[in-house]
């Protein structure tokens, strides 16, 4: 019996859930703000708008105290409330393109689902629905909705087609220092054993903060750490203690990286054996 034609199976990696493709076909890795950040920003905005409402009431009753009656006072109070929790948030997010006091504090910005800046329509829908889900339910409805979707969108975001984007980029780590030039010849024949984790961390911390230490403290700490690291190094180079520590750290980093690369290469060679099917099953 003839074998059925064998079809090739191509495994496509899943697209990043938060990946945004621009018009130039460039993938951007955007990070939506989490529910904790959104909650903190909302509390700050809530307090700010409440204070604005109270100041507006104080101004109204101070300026128009002679002509206000009970009915007019209630009407002005309701108007001031609507202005403070609906009109002001709409204007703020429209003018600032998705920012507010709370969002500035947590490093977030409201954007459209396609990553563009929001407009008046988006800001008004968010503010209008926010009256119900934030002010009338004390944030309970907004928090419940945000917990049920991956981008922490509240009900106003879902209706307006927006989400909160976290814009604060984490600080890049400092570049790792290389091998000091005076230790180049020594490193070719030196043997640096694996250091204890605690000692490695202390050496790395010292080298990062050495420039901020006083000369006396810097010299004393370098001498102390080099004395602890000396039993793991052979032969010992005739260099200052800080240079010795930099050389030890550089050699251990390079050797551990090389060992990791070898391990990954071995795993790559074993990958077909570990995940393959025996005897060409089921296409035999």
C-alpha atoms as a PDB file:
ATOM      1  CA  UNK A   1       0.000   0.000   0.000  1.00  0.00           C
ATOM      2  CA  UNK A   2       1.367   3.404  -0.873  1.00  0.00           C
ATOM      3  CA  UNK A   3       2.199   5.683   1.971  1.00  0.00           C
ATOM      4  CA  UNK A   4       0.051   8.788   2.311  1.00  0.00           C
ATOM      5  CA  UNK A   5       1.826  11.996   1.393  1.00  0.00           C
ATOM      6  CA  UNK A   6       3.613  13.433   4.378  1.00  0.00           C
ATOM      7  CA  UNK A   7       2.625  16.944   5.333  1.00  0.00           C
ATOM      8  CA  UNK A   8       5.074  19.267   7.013  1.00  0.00           C
ATOM      9  CA  UNK A   9       3.973  20.787  10.285  1.00  0.00           C
ATOM     10  CA  UNK A  10       5.141  24.315  10.938  1.00  0.00           C
ATOM     11  CA  UNK A  11       5.001  25.567  14.493  1.00  0.00           C
ATOM     12  CA  UNK A  12       4.260  29.264  14.700  1.00  0.00           C
ATOM     13  CA  UNK A  13       5.108  31.000  17.907  1.00  0.00           C
ATOM     14  CA  UNK A  14       2.222  32.773  19.559  1.00  0.00           C
ATOM     15  CA  UNK A  15       2.169  36.494  19.057  1.00  0.00           C
ATOM     16  CA  UNK A  16       2.797  38.555  22.106  1.00  0.00           C
ATOM     17  CA  UNK A  17      -0.546  39.526  23.588  1.00  0.00           C
ATOM     18  CA  UNK A  18       0.612  43.095  24.148  1.00  0.00           C
ATOM     19  CA  UNK A  19       2.401  43.480  20.802  1.00  0.00           C
ATOM     20  CA  UNK A  20       1.274  46.421  18.682  1.00  0.00           C
ATOM     21  CA  UNK A  21       1.940  46.462  14.922  1.00  0.00           C
ATOM     22  CA  UNK A  22       2.365  49.971  13.509  1.00  0.00           C
ATOM     23  CA  UNK A  23       1.505  51.059   9.965  1.00  0.00           C
ATOM     24  CA  UNK A  24       5.131  50.477   8.985  1.00  0.00           C
ATOM     25  CA  UNK A  25       4.865  46.823  10.132  1.00  0.00           C
ATOM     26  CA  UNK A  26       7.027  47.494  13.183  1.00  0.00           C
ATOM     27  CA  UNK A  27       6.154  45.498  16.294  1.00  0.00           C
ATOM     28  CA  UNK A  28       6.063  47.540  19.484  1.00  0.00           C
ATOM     29  CA  UNK A  29       6.043  45.898  22.892  1.00  0.00           C
ATOM     30  CA  UNK A  30       3.530  47.949  24.876  1.00  0.00           C
ATOM     31  CA  UNK A  31       2.757  47.317  28.519  1.00  0.00           C
ATOM     32  CA  UNK A  32      -0.735  47.943  29.877  1.00  0.00           C
ATOM     33  CA  UNK A  33      -0.866  49.323  33.397  1.00  0.00           C
ATOM     34  CA  UNK A  34      -1.832  46.750  36.007  1.00  0.00           C
ATOM     35  CA  UNK A  35      -4.856  46.978  38.224  1.00  0.00           C
ATOM     36  CA  UNK A  36      -2.798  48.117  41.219  1.00  0.00           C
ATOM     37  CA  UNK A  37      -1.304  51.048  39.305  1.00  0.00           C
ATOM     38  CA  UNK A  38      -4.667  51.912  37.843  1.00  0.00           C
ATOM     39  CA  UNK A  39      -6.253  51.832  41.288  1.00  0.00           C
ATOM     40  CA  UNK A  40      -3.582  54.120  42.728  1.00  0.00           C
ATOM     41  CA  UNK A  41      -3.978  56.584  39.855  1.00  0.00           C
ATOM     42  CA  UNK A  42      -7.768  56.531  40.189  1.00  0.00           C
ATOM     43  CA  UNK A  43      -7.591  57.287  43.913  1.00  0.00           C
ATOM     44  CA  UNK A  44      -5.322  60.269  43.242  1.00  0.00           C
ATOM     45  CA  UNK A  45      -7.687  61.552  40.534  1.00  0.00           C
ATOM     46  CA  UNK A  46     -10.705  60.960  42.783  1.00  0.00           C
ATOM     47  CA  UNK A  47      -9.167  62.992  45.593  1.00  0.00           C
ATOM     48  CA  UNK A  48      -8.119  65.765  43.184  1.00  0.00           C
ATOM     49  CA  UNK A  49     -11.576  66.086  41.621  1.00  0.00           C
ATOM     50  CA  UNK A  50     -13.247  65.947  45.039  1.00  0.00           C
ATOM     51  CA  UNK A  51     -11.033  68.772  46.290  1.00  0.00           C
ATOM     52  CA  UNK A  52     -11.835  70.736  43.134  1.00  0.00           C
ATOM     53  CA  UNK A  53     -15.551  70.208  43.811  1.00  0.00           C
ATOM     54  CA  UNK A  54     -15.243  71.402  47.399  1.00  0.00           C
ATOM     55  CA  UNK A  55     -13.261  74.470  46.342  1.00  0.00           C
ATOM     56  CA  UNK A  56     -15.878  75.220  43.683  1.00  0.00           C
ATOM     57  CA  UNK A  57     -18.644  75.005  46.281  1.00  0.00           C
ATOM     58  CA  UNK A  58     -16.689  77.240  48.632  1.00  0.00           C
ATOM     59  CA  UNK A  59     -16.193  79.787  45.874  1.00  0.00           C
ATOM     60  CA  UNK A  60     -19.874  79.729  44.881  1.00  0.00           C
ATOM     61  CA  UNK A  61     -21.209  80.149  48.397  1.00  0.00           C
ATOM     62  CA  UNK A  62     -18.635  82.831  49.160  1.00  0.00           C
ATOM     63  CA  UNK A  63     -19.263  84.966  46.079  1.00  0.00           C
ATOM     64  CA  UNK A  64     -23.032  84.513  45.814  1.00  0.00           C
ATOM     65  CA  UNK A  65     -23.887  84.217  49.487  1.00  0.00           C
ATOM     66  CA  UNK A  66     -26.151  87.295  49.394  1.00  0.00           C
ATOM     67  CA  UNK A  67     -28.385  86.131  46.534  1.00  0.00           C
ATOM     68  CA  UNK A  68     -28.463  82.372  47.106  1.00  0.00           C
ATOM     69  CA  UNK A  69     -31.636  80.659  48.255  1.00  0.00           C
ATOM     70  CA  UNK A  70     -32.050  76.974  49.003  1.00  0.00           C
ATOM     71  CA  UNK A  71     -33.224  75.937  45.527  1.00  0.00           C
ATOM     72  CA  UNK A  72     -30.541  77.907  43.720  1.00  0.00           C
ATOM     73  CA  UNK A  73     -27.883  76.604  46.098  1.00  0.00           C
ATOM     74  CA  UNK A  74     -28.860  72.994  45.425  1.00  0.00           C
ATOM     75  CA  UNK A  75     -28.890  73.592  41.675  1.00  0.00           C
ATOM     76  CA  UNK A  76     -25.447  75.155  41.775  1.00  0.00           C
ATOM     77  CA  UNK A  77     -24.139  72.346  43.979  1.00  0.00           C
ATOM     78  CA  UNK A  78     -25.386  69.701  41.513  1.00  0.00           C
ATOM     79  CA  UNK A  79     -23.965  71.677  38.586  1.00  0.00           C
ATOM     80  CA  UNK A  80     -20.622  71.965  40.340  1.00  0.00           C
ATOM     81  CA  UNK A  81     -20.629  68.219  40.991  1.00  0.00           C
ATOM     82  CA  UNK A  82     -21.355  67.403  37.344  1.00  0.00           C
ATOM     83  CA  UNK A  83     -18.696  69.863  36.257  1.00  0.00           C
ATOM     84  CA  UNK A  84     -16.110  68.383  38.652  1.00  0.00           C
ATOM     85  CA  UNK A  85     -16.583  64.667  37.980  1.00  0.00           C
ATOM     86  CA  UNK A  86     -17.663  64.749  34.322  1.00  0.00           C
ATOM     87  CA  UNK A  87     -16.618  67.897  32.473  1.00  0.00           C
ATOM     88  CA  UNK A  88     -13.243  68.440  34.147  1.00  0.00           C
ATOM     89  CA  UNK A  89     -11.991  64.828  33.663  1.00  0.00           C
ATOM     90  CA  UNK A  90     -13.103  64.965  30.030  1.00  0.00           C
ATOM     91  CA  UNK A  91     -11.280  68.224  29.394  1.00  0.00           C
ATOM     92  CA  UNK A  92      -8.155  67.097  31.250  1.00  0.00           C
ATOM     93  CA  UNK A  93      -7.802  63.810  29.342  1.00  0.00           C
ATOM     94  CA  UNK A  94      -8.608  65.497  26.020  1.00  0.00           C
ATOM     95  CA  UNK A  95      -6.132  68.349  26.397  1.00  0.00           C
ATOM     96  CA  UNK A  96      -3.343  66.165  27.827  1.00  0.00           C
ATOM     97  CA  UNK A  97      -3.988  63.293  25.376  1.00  0.00           C
ATOM     98  CA  UNK A  98      -4.880  60.725  27.995  1.00  0.00           C
ATOM     99  CA  UNK A  99      -3.087  61.976  31.059  1.00  0.00           C
ATOM    100  CA  UNK A 100      -4.272  63.234  34.424  1.00  0.00           C
ATOM    101  CA  UNK A 101      -2.729  63.904  37.809  1.00  0.00           C
ATOM    102  CA  UNK A 102      -3.073  60.297  38.931  1.00  0.00           C
ATOM    103  CA  UNK A 103      -1.793  58.889  35.660  1.00  0.00           C
ATOM    104  CA  UNK A 104       1.224  61.163  35.763  1.00  0.00           C
ATOM    105  CA  UNK A 105       1.951  59.920  39.273  1.00  0.00           C
ATOM    106  CA  UNK A 106       1.903  56.233  38.270  1.00  0.00           C
ATOM    107  CA  UNK A 107       3.447  56.721  34.813  1.00  0.00           C
ATOM    108  CA  UNK A 108       0.394  55.744  32.755  1.00  0.00           C
ATOM    109  CA  UNK A 109      -1.533  57.222  29.842  1.00  0.00           C
ATOM    110  CA  UNK A 110      -4.894  56.395  28.299  1.00  0.00           C
ATOM    111  CA  UNK A 111      -4.568  55.395  24.646  1.00  0.00           C
ATOM    112  CA  UNK A 112      -6.823  53.857  22.014  1.00  0.00           C
ATOM    113  CA  UNK A 113      -6.764  50.123  21.383  1.00  0.00           C
ATOM    114  CA  UNK A 114      -4.558  50.766  18.349  1.00  0.00           C
ATOM    115  CA  UNK A 115      -2.072  52.774  20.437  1.00  0.00           C
ATOM    116  CA  UNK A 116      -3.106  56.245  19.220  1.00  0.00           C
ATOM    117  CA  UNK A 117      -3.977  59.258  21.354  1.00  0.00           C
ATOM    118  CA  UNK A 118      -7.551  59.519  22.599  1.00  0.00           C
ATOM    119  CA  UNK A 119      -9.941  62.296  21.588  1.00  0.00           C
ATOM    120  CA  UNK A 120     -12.916  64.086  23.088  1.00  0.00           C
ATOM    121  CA  UNK A 121     -15.286  61.199  22.367  1.00  0.00           C
ATOM    122  CA  UNK A 122     -13.102  58.653  24.195  1.00  0.00           C
ATOM    123  CA  UNK A 123     -12.550  60.925  27.178  1.00  0.00           C
ATOM    124  CA  UNK A 124     -16.274  61.764  27.482  1.00  0.00           C
ATOM    125  CA  UNK A 125     -17.359  58.104  27.371  1.00  0.00           C
ATOM    126  CA  UNK A 126     -14.761  57.192  29.983  1.00  0.00           C
ATOM    127  CA  UNK A 127     -15.816  60.044  32.270  1.00  0.00           C
ATOM    128  CA  UNK A 128     -19.526  59.375  31.803  1.00  0.00           C
ATOM    129  CA  UNK A 129     -19.272  55.659  32.590  1.00  0.00           C
ATOM    130  CA  UNK A 130     -16.802  56.465  35.366  1.00  0.00           C
ATOM    131  CA  UNK A 131     -19.541  58.300  37.256  1.00  0.00           C
ATOM    132  CA  UNK A 132     -21.305  54.962  37.643  1.00  0.00           C
ATOM    133  CA  UNK A 133     -18.458  52.504  38.007  1.00  0.00           C
ATOM    134  CA  UNK A 134     -16.106  54.656  40.093  1.00  0.00           C
ATOM    135  CA  UNK A 135     -18.115  57.222  42.044  1.00  0.00           C
ATOM    136  CA  UNK A 136     -21.453  55.448  42.521  1.00  0.00           C
ATOM    137  CA  UNK A 137     -19.936  52.034  43.302  1.00  0.00           C
ATOM    138  CA  UNK A 138     -16.746  53.366  44.959  1.00  0.00           C
ATOM    139  CA  UNK A 139     -14.646  51.695  42.283  1.00  0.00           C
ATOM    140  CA  UNK A 140     -16.100  48.227  42.827  1.00  0.00           C
ATOM    141  CA  UNK A 141     -17.534  47.812  39.328  1.00  0.00           C
ATOM    142  CA  UNK A 142     -14.356  49.170  37.725  1.00  0.00           C
ATOM    143  CA  UNK A 143     -12.142  46.818  39.743  1.00  0.00           C
ATOM    144  CA  UNK A 144     -14.336  43.808  38.954  1.00  0.00           C
ATOM    145  CA  UNK A 145     -14.286  44.546  35.226  1.00  0.00           C
ATOM    146  CA  UNK A 146     -10.525  45.158  35.248  1.00  0.00           C
ATOM    147  CA  UNK A 147      -9.899  41.811  36.915  1.00  0.00           C
ATOM    148  CA  UNK A 148     -11.747  39.995  34.122  1.00  0.00           C
ATOM    149  CA  UNK A 149      -9.541  41.100  31.205  1.00  0.00           C
ATOM    150  CA  UNK A 150      -5.815  40.938  30.533  1.00  0.00           C
ATOM    151  CA  UNK A 151      -5.298  44.687  30.005  1.00  0.00           C
ATOM    152  CA  UNK A 152      -7.067  45.788  33.200  1.00  0.00           C
ATOM    153  CA  UNK A 153      -9.683  47.713  31.251  1.00  0.00           C
ATOM    154  CA  UNK A 154     -12.615  49.071  33.179  1.00  0.00           C
ATOM    155  CA  UNK A 155     -16.112  49.274  31.677  1.00  0.00           C
ATOM    156  CA  UNK A 156     -15.510  52.794  30.368  1.00  0.00           C
ATOM    157  CA  UNK A 157     -12.399  51.613  28.543  1.00  0.00           C
ATOM    158  CA  UNK A 158     -14.259  48.721  26.918  1.00  0.00           C
ATOM    159  CA  UNK A 159     -17.015  51.031  25.676  1.00  0.00           C
ATOM    160  CA  UNK A 160     -14.614  53.737  24.512  1.00  0.00           C
ATOM    161  CA  UNK A 161     -12.068  51.368  22.962  1.00  0.00           C
ATOM    162  CA  UNK A 162      -9.183  52.476  25.176  1.00  0.00           C
ATOM    163  CA  UNK A 163      -6.805  51.085  27.765  1.00  0.00           C
ATOM    164  CA  UNK A 164      -4.201  52.416  30.198  1.00  0.00           C
ATOM    165  CA  UNK A 165      -0.644  52.096  28.893  1.00  0.00           C
ATOM    166  CA  UNK A 166       2.296  52.024  31.288  1.00  0.00           C
ATOM    167  CA  UNK A 167       4.922  54.372  29.846  1.00  0.00           C
ATOM    168  CA  UNK A 168       7.709  54.275  32.398  1.00  0.00           C
ATOM    169  CA  UNK A 169      10.520  52.235  30.936  1.00  0.00           C
ATOM    170  CA  UNK A 170      12.524  50.292  33.534  1.00  0.00           C
ATOM    171  CA  UNK A 171      16.065  51.486  34.077  1.00  0.00           C
ATOM    172  CA  UNK A 172      18.579  49.615  31.977  1.00  0.00           C
ATOM    173  CA  UNK A 173      21.217  47.715  33.962  1.00  0.00           C
ATOM    174  CA  UNK A 174      24.705  49.147  34.033  1.00  0.00           C
ATOM    175  CA  UNK A 175      27.077  47.563  31.508  1.00  0.00           C
ATOM    176  CA  UNK A 176      29.222  44.826  32.987  1.00  0.00           C
ATOM    177  CA  UNK A 177      32.874  45.878  33.385  1.00  0.00           C
ATOM    178  CA  UNK A 178      35.371  43.939  31.323  1.00  0.00           C
ATOM    179  CA  UNK A 179      38.657  42.378  32.309  1.00  0.00           C
ATOM    180  CA  UNK A 180      41.220  45.001  33.437  1.00  0.00           C
ATOM    181  CA  UNK A 181      44.018  45.446  30.905  1.00  0.00           C
ATOM    182  CA  UNK A 182      46.747  44.651  33.433  1.00  0.00           C
ATOM    183  CA  UNK A 183      45.230  41.192  34.009  1.00  0.00           C
ATOM    184  CA  UNK A 184      45.067  40.092  30.356  1.00  0.00           C
ATOM    185  CA  UNK A 185      48.181  37.900  30.547  1.00  0.00           C
ATOM    186  CA  UNK A 186      47.273  36.540  33.977  1.00  0.00           C
ATOM    187  CA  UNK A 187      43.767  35.538  32.817  1.00  0.00           C
ATOM    188  CA  UNK A 188      45.187  33.196  30.164  1.00  0.00           C
ATOM    189  CA  UNK A 189      46.527  30.771  32.775  1.00  0.00           C
ATOM    190  CA  UNK A 190      44.596  31.702  35.937  1.00  0.00           C
ATOM    191  CA  UNK A 191      42.192  29.318  37.632  1.00  0.00           C
ATOM    192  CA  UNK A 192      39.195  30.982  39.339  1.00  0.00           C
ATOM    193  CA  UNK A 193      36.974  28.534  41.150  1.00  0.00           C
ATOM    194  CA  UNK A 194      33.256  29.031  41.736  1.00  0.00           C
ATOM    195  CA  UNK A 195      32.778  31.633  44.481  1.00  0.00           C
ATOM    196  CA  UNK A 196      30.100  31.376  47.179  1.00  0.00           C
ATOM    197  CA  UNK A 197      26.934  33.204  46.204  1.00  0.00           C
ATOM    198  CA  UNK A 198      27.118  35.600  49.147  1.00  0.00           C
ATOM    199  CA  UNK A 199      30.705  36.552  48.331  1.00  0.00           C
ATOM    200  CA  UNK A 200      29.881  37.041  44.639  1.00  0.00           C
ATOM    201  CA  UNK A 201      27.019  39.362  45.515  1.00  0.00           C
ATOM    202  CA  UNK A 202      29.181  41.398  47.889  1.00  0.00           C
ATOM    203  CA  UNK A 203      31.930  41.762  45.280  1.00  0.00           C
ATOM    204  CA  UNK A 204      29.436  42.837  42.607  1.00  0.00           C
ATOM    205  CA  UNK A 205      27.822  45.330  44.986  1.00  0.00           C
ATOM    206  CA  UNK A 206      31.194  46.764  45.961  1.00  0.00           C
ATOM    207  CA  UNK A 207      32.280  47.231  42.342  1.00  0.00           C
ATOM    208  CA  UNK A 208      29.000  49.007  41.522  1.00  0.00           C
ATOM    209  CA  UNK A 209      29.240  51.378  44.486  1.00  0.00           C
ATOM    210  CA  UNK A 210      33.016  51.829  44.694  1.00  0.00           C
ATOM    211  CA  UNK A 211      32.986  55.268  43.086  1.00  0.00           C
ATOM    212  CA  UNK A 212      30.614  56.573  45.782  1.00  0.00           C
ATOM    213  CA  UNK A 213      32.775  55.422  48.703  1.00  0.00           C
ATOM    214  CA  UNK A 214      35.432  57.434  50.460  1.00  0.00           C
ATOM    215  CA  UNK A 215      39.009  56.441  49.509  1.00  0.00           C
ATOM    216  CA  UNK A 216      39.691  54.935  52.937  1.00  0.00           C
ATOM    217  CA  UNK A 217      36.484  52.845  52.987  1.00  0.00           C
ATOM    218  CA  UNK A 218      37.013  51.823  49.377  1.00  0.00           C
ATOM    219  CA  UNK A 219      40.514  50.562  50.054  1.00  0.00           C
ATOM    220  CA  UNK A 220      39.513  48.764  53.249  1.00  0.00           C
ATOM    221  CA  UNK A 221      36.533  46.968  51.684  1.00  0.00           C
ATOM    222  CA  UNK A 222      38.548  45.989  48.623  1.00  0.00           C
ATOM    223  CA  UNK A 223      41.267  44.485  50.780  1.00  0.00           C
ATOM    224  CA  UNK A 224      38.746  42.573  52.881  1.00  0.00           C
ATOM    225  CA  UNK A 225      36.899  41.144  49.863  1.00  0.00           C
ATOM    226  CA  UNK A 226      40.096  40.250  48.039  1.00  0.00           C
ATOM    227  CA  UNK A 227      41.289  38.336  51.102  1.00  0.00           C
ATOM    228  CA  UNK A 228      38.057  36.300  51.075  1.00  0.00           C
ATOM    229  CA  UNK A 229      38.295  35.637  47.329  1.00  0.00           C
ATOM    230  CA  UNK A 230      42.004  34.751  47.331  1.00  0.00           C
ATOM    231  CA  UNK A 231      41.562  31.055  48.327  1.00  0.00           C
ATOM    232  CA  UNK A 232      39.477  30.506  45.177  1.00  0.00           C
ATOM    233  CA  UNK A 233      42.086  31.996  42.788  1.00  0.00           C
ATOM    234  CA  UNK A 234      45.403  30.596  41.604  1.00  0.00           C
ATOM    235  CA  UNK A 235      47.852  32.166  41.017  1.00  0.00           C
ATOM    236  CA  UNK A 236      47.290  35.488  42.733  1.00  0.00           C
ATOM    237  CA  UNK A 237      48.181  38.497  40.561  1.00  0.00           C
ATOM    238  CA  UNK A 238      50.328  41.331  41.906  1.00  0.00           C
ATOM    239  CA  UNK A 239      47.740  44.071  41.380  1.00  0.00           C
ATOM    240  CA  UNK A 240      45.702  46.341  43.691  1.00  0.00           C
ATOM    241  CA  UNK A 241      42.824  44.692  45.514  1.00  0.00           C
ATOM    242  CA  UNK A 242      40.076  46.460  43.548  1.00  0.00           C
ATOM    243  CA  UNK A 243      41.637  45.498  40.210  1.00  0.00           C
ATOM    244  CA  UNK A 244      41.927  41.911  41.453  1.00  0.00           C
ATOM    245  CA  UNK A 245      38.224  41.831  42.359  1.00  0.00           C
ATOM    246  CA  UNK A 246      37.249  43.234  38.950  1.00  0.00           C
ATOM    247  CA  UNK A 247      39.327  40.540  37.253  1.00  0.00           C
ATOM    248  CA  UNK A 248      37.825  37.750  39.348  1.00  0.00           C
ATOM    249  CA  UNK A 249      34.292  38.903  38.660  1.00  0.00           C
ATOM    250  CA  UNK A 250      34.952  39.263  34.923  1.00  0.00           C
ATOM    251  CA  UNK A 251      36.489  35.790  34.607  1.00  0.00           C
ATOM    252  CA  UNK A 252      33.722  34.096  36.567  1.00  0.00           C
ATOM    253  CA  UNK A 253      31.048  35.862  34.487  1.00  0.00           C
ATOM    254  CA  UNK A 254      32.685  34.884  31.203  1.00  0.00           C
ATOM    255  CA  UNK A 255      33.187  31.257  32.269  1.00  0.00           C
ATOM    256  CA  UNK A 256      29.638  30.878  33.568  1.00  0.00           C
ATOM    257  CA  UNK A 257      28.292  32.396  30.359  1.00  0.00           C
ATOM    258  CA  UNK A 258      30.369  29.973  28.289  1.00  0.00           C
ATOM    259  CA  UNK A 259      29.106  27.051  30.391  1.00  0.00           C
ATOM    260  CA  UNK A 260      25.512  28.215  29.858  1.00  0.00           C
ATOM    261  CA  UNK A 261      26.083  28.436  26.118  1.00  0.00           C
ATOM    262  CA  UNK A 262      27.435  24.868  26.052  1.00  0.00           C
ATOM    263  CA  UNK A 263      24.466  23.630  28.047  1.00  0.00           C
ATOM    264  CA  UNK A 264      22.000  25.283  25.672  1.00  0.00           C
ATOM    265  CA  UNK A 265      23.835  23.802  22.673  1.00  0.00           C
ATOM    266  CA  UNK A 266      23.577  20.318  24.209  1.00  0.00           C
ATOM    267  CA  UNK A 267      19.868  20.786  24.851  1.00  0.00           C
ATOM    268  CA  UNK A 268      19.366  21.934  21.256  1.00  0.00           C
ATOM    269  CA  UNK A 269      21.042  18.756  19.986  1.00  0.00           C
ATOM    270  CA  UNK A 270      18.803  16.610  22.207  1.00  0.00           C
ATOM    271  CA  UNK A 271      15.610  18.460  21.294  1.00  0.00           C
ATOM    272  CA  UNK A 272      14.666  16.239  18.292  1.00  0.00           C
ATOM    273  CA  UNK A 273      15.234  13.096  20.356  1.00  0.00           C
ATOM    274  CA  UNK A 274      13.250  14.300  23.356  1.00  0.00           C
ATOM    275  CA  UNK A 275      10.226  15.575  21.429  1.00  0.00           C
ATOM    276  CA  UNK A 276      10.298  13.376  18.323  1.00  0.00           C
ATOM    277  CA  UNK A 277       8.084  10.346  17.785  1.00  0.00           C
ATOM    278  CA  UNK A 278       9.611   6.860  17.274  1.00  0.00           C
ATOM    279  CA  UNK A 279       9.603   5.115  13.884  1.00  0.00           C
ATOM    280  CA  UNK A 280       8.294   8.196  12.085  1.00  0.00           C
ATOM    281  CA  UNK A 281       4.909   7.840  13.830  1.00  0.00           C
ATOM    282  CA  UNK A 282       2.208   8.531  12.643  1.00  0.00           C
ATOM    283  CA  UNK A 283       3.439   9.035   9.057  1.00  0.00           C
ATOM    284  CA  UNK A 284       4.943   5.556   8.585  1.00  0.00           C
END
